[in-house]
């Protein structure tokens, strides 16, 4: 399976919702957050999720906790990928609050040979590349209704078009979870 052809795909993950409640008790939603999380702490808070990862031979490499304020439009960007040819390029994003399920993530293609300079999120030094709207064309979008595999090497932008805070966890793996992508993607 060529994971580069995948923009996103919804995925069923059987995890205990009570565990997410415990996570939100420790890390309540705030207006803006992009925090690198300690894997062992998240594993302790979300054992059913990590058991599922292990059952699929997925080794978590990074976890980020992301919050967006109401009506926030994220810059169109492409996340840093260690190696453009080999990845890993696929992340699993899990929404934390159903109240923001109308928030949308749009995924784009780059127009022609448009390029972008690498930027750093100053609060945590995570590298990303920002694109201007005229440098991309929208290909698809999805709502924050459940877990999603997202190709982070494609330009994308989350738009919290809801009146409530939006929270999600994003997991990056040592190897791309290509075994979870349907063949028709």
Protein backbone atom coordinates (compact mmCIF):
# COMPACT_ATOMS: atom_id res chain seq x y z
CA UNK A 1 0.00 0.00 0.00
CA UNK A 2 1.36 3.41 -0.96
CA UNK A 3 0.56 5.46 2.12
CA UNK A 4 1.38 8.65 0.23
CA UNK A 5 -1.88 8.20 -1.73
CA UNK A 6 -3.84 8.29 1.52
CA UNK A 7 -5.02 11.74 2.65
CA UNK A 8 -7.05 10.52 5.63
CA UNK A 9 -9.14 7.59 6.69
CA UNK A 10 -11.58 7.11 9.56
CA UNK A 11 -10.66 4.17 11.75
CA UNK A 12 -12.44 2.24 14.49
CA UNK A 13 -10.41 1.96 17.68
CA UNK A 14 -12.04 0.20 20.64
CA UNK A 15 -10.88 2.24 23.62
CA UNK A 16 -12.51 3.01 26.96
CA UNK A 17 -14.10 6.51 26.85
CA UNK A 18 -13.72 6.77 30.63
CA UNK A 19 -9.97 6.87 30.10
CA UNK A 20 -10.35 9.99 27.94
CA UNK A 21 -12.37 11.55 30.76
CA UNK A 22 -9.46 10.88 33.12
CA UNK A 23 -7.06 12.46 30.64
CA UNK A 24 -9.26 15.57 30.43
CA UNK A 25 -9.41 15.77 34.22
CA UNK A 26 -5.61 15.95 34.29
CA UNK A 27 -5.35 18.16 31.18
CA UNK A 28 -8.52 20.26 30.87
CA UNK A 29 -9.15 21.89 27.49
CA UNK A 30 -7.69 25.38 27.14
CA UNK A 31 -7.79 28.01 24.37
CA UNK A 32 -4.58 27.03 22.66
CA UNK A 33 -2.22 24.11 23.14
CA UNK A 34 0.24 22.06 21.14
CA UNK A 35 2.02 20.07 23.85
CA UNK A 36 4.50 17.26 23.47
CA UNK A 37 3.34 14.62 25.97
CA UNK A 38 5.28 11.95 27.84
CA UNK A 39 4.41 8.60 26.24
CA UNK A 40 4.51 6.67 29.54
CA UNK A 41 2.10 9.09 31.19
CA UNK A 42 -0.37 8.86 28.29
CA UNK A 43 0.02 5.07 28.27
CA UNK A 44 -0.87 5.02 31.97
CA UNK A 45 -3.93 7.22 31.37
CA UNK A 46 -5.10 5.37 28.23
CA UNK A 47 -4.23 1.67 28.68
CA UNK A 48 -7.00 0.36 26.40
CA UNK A 49 -5.75 2.54 23.54
CA UNK A 50 -2.15 1.43 24.00
CA UNK A 51 -3.25 -2.21 24.21
CA UNK A 52 -4.91 -1.73 20.82
CA UNK A 53 -1.76 -0.10 19.42
CA UNK A 54 0.29 -3.05 20.64
CA UNK A 55 -2.18 -5.52 19.11
CA UNK A 56 -1.56 -3.79 15.75
CA UNK A 57 2.24 -3.76 16.20
CA UNK A 58 2.33 0.02 16.48
CA UNK A 59 5.08 1.55 18.57
CA UNK A 60 4.28 5.11 19.63
CA UNK A 61 7.09 7.55 18.93
CA UNK A 62 5.45 10.90 19.85
CA UNK A 63 2.18 12.08 21.37
CA UNK A 64 0.87 15.64 21.13
CA UNK A 65 -2.11 17.15 22.94
CA UNK A 66 -3.72 19.83 20.79
CA UNK A 67 -6.45 22.33 21.72
CA UNK A 68 -8.07 24.96 19.51
CA UNK A 69 -10.21 27.84 20.74
CA UNK A 70 -13.71 28.33 19.29
CA UNK A 71 -13.73 29.53 15.67
CA UNK A 72 -9.97 29.08 15.33
CA UNK A 73 -8.58 28.58 11.79
CA UNK A 74 -5.21 26.87 11.76
CA UNK A 75 -2.62 27.85 9.17
CA UNK A 76 -2.38 25.47 6.23
CA UNK A 77 0.72 23.48 7.01
CA UNK A 78 2.58 20.24 6.52
CA UNK A 79 4.05 18.57 9.58
CA UNK A 80 7.70 17.68 9.77
CA UNK A 81 8.43 14.21 8.40
CA UNK A 82 11.80 12.63 9.20
CA UNK A 83 12.32 11.33 5.66
CA UNK A 84 10.10 12.44 2.77
CA UNK A 85 10.59 9.08 1.02
CA UNK A 86 10.15 6.68 3.92
CA UNK A 87 8.25 8.65 6.57
CA UNK A 88 6.80 8.03 8.93
CA UNK A 89 3.99 10.10 7.42
CA UNK A 90 0.84 8.74 9.04
CA UNK A 91 -0.55 9.93 12.36
CA UNK A 92 -3.61 8.77 14.26
CA UNK A 93 -5.70 11.67 15.57
CA UNK A 94 -8.31 11.06 18.26
CA UNK A 95 -10.82 13.79 19.18
CA UNK A 96 -11.26 14.37 22.90
CA UNK A 97 -14.66 16.07 22.98
CA UNK A 98 -17.76 15.25 20.95
CA UNK A 99 -19.07 18.81 21.39
CA UNK A 100 -16.57 19.90 18.72
CA UNK A 101 -17.45 17.14 16.24
CA UNK A 102 -18.38 19.75 13.61
CA UNK A 103 -14.77 21.00 13.53
CA UNK A 104 -13.28 20.21 10.13
CA UNK A 105 -9.83 19.30 8.90
CA UNK A 106 -9.13 20.11 5.28
CA UNK A 107 -6.40 18.34 3.33
CA UNK A 108 -4.72 19.84 0.26
CA UNK A 109 -2.36 19.21 -2.63
CA UNK A 110 0.47 21.60 -3.36
CA UNK A 111 -0.02 23.65 -6.54
CA UNK A 112 2.78 23.18 -9.07
CA UNK A 113 6.20 23.52 -7.54
CA UNK A 114 5.18 25.75 -4.63
CA UNK A 115 7.52 25.48 -1.67
CA UNK A 116 7.45 26.55 1.91
CA UNK A 117 10.15 27.34 4.41
CA UNK A 118 10.30 25.23 7.53
CA UNK A 119 9.01 26.98 10.65
CA UNK A 120 9.19 26.08 14.32
CA UNK A 121 6.41 26.31 16.81
CA UNK A 122 8.29 28.43 19.32
CA UNK A 123 6.77 26.93 22.45
CA UNK A 124 8.02 23.41 21.73
CA UNK A 125 10.32 23.54 18.69
CA UNK A 126 8.12 21.25 16.56
CA UNK A 127 8.94 21.84 12.90
CA UNK A 128 6.24 22.44 10.29
CA UNK A 129 5.93 24.09 6.87
CA UNK A 130 3.32 26.82 6.36
CA UNK A 131 1.55 27.32 3.02
CA UNK A 132 -0.45 30.25 1.72
CA UNK A 133 -3.95 29.46 0.35
CA UNK A 134 -2.85 30.18 -3.24
CA UNK A 135 -0.11 27.52 -2.94
CA UNK A 136 -2.58 24.66 -2.43
CA UNK A 137 -5.86 23.21 -3.66
CA UNK A 138 -8.33 21.51 -1.36
CA UNK A 139 -8.71 17.79 -2.05
CA UNK A 140 -10.89 16.59 0.80
CA UNK A 141 -12.02 17.23 4.36
CA UNK A 142 -13.30 15.38 7.40
CA UNK A 143 -15.12 16.19 10.63
CA UNK A 144 -13.85 15.44 14.16
CA UNK A 145 -16.29 12.62 14.77
CA UNK A 146 -13.83 9.87 15.65
CA UNK A 147 -10.30 8.53 15.22
CA UNK A 148 -8.62 9.28 11.89
CA UNK A 149 -5.40 8.27 10.19
CA UNK A 150 -4.01 11.48 8.70
CA UNK A 151 -1.17 11.81 6.22
CA UNK A 152 0.75 14.62 7.94
CA UNK A 153 3.03 15.06 4.92
CA UNK A 154 0.06 16.50 3.00
CA UNK A 155 -0.79 20.15 3.65
CA UNK A 156 -3.72 20.33 6.05
CA UNK A 157 -5.57 22.74 8.31
CA UNK A 158 -7.94 22.26 11.23
CA UNK A 159 -10.82 24.71 11.47
CA UNK A 160 -12.68 24.70 14.77
CA UNK A 161 -15.87 26.24 13.42
CA UNK A 162 -17.71 25.49 16.69
CA UNK A 163 -18.51 27.65 19.75
CA UNK A 164 -16.60 25.25 22.04
CA UNK A 165 -12.98 24.32 22.64
CA UNK A 166 -11.66 21.47 20.49
CA UNK A 167 -9.21 18.90 21.81
CA UNK A 168 -7.42 15.99 20.24
CA UNK A 169 -4.51 13.66 20.75
CA UNK A 170 -2.24 12.93 17.83
CA UNK A 171 -0.01 9.87 17.84
CA UNK A 172 3.08 9.45 15.68
CA UNK A 173 4.63 6.01 15.29
CA UNK A 174 8.09 4.61 14.65
CA UNK A 175 6.67 2.95 11.51
CA UNK A 176 3.65 4.07 9.51
CA UNK A 177 0.47 2.09 10.30
CA UNK A 178 0.04 1.14 6.63
CA UNK A 179 -1.59 -2.15 7.66
CA UNK A 180 -4.61 -0.11 8.85
CA UNK A 181 -5.24 1.66 5.54
CA UNK A 182 -7.97 0.16 3.37
CA UNK A 183 -6.82 -0.88 -0.08
CA UNK A 184 -9.26 1.44 -1.84
CA UNK A 185 -7.81 4.59 -0.26
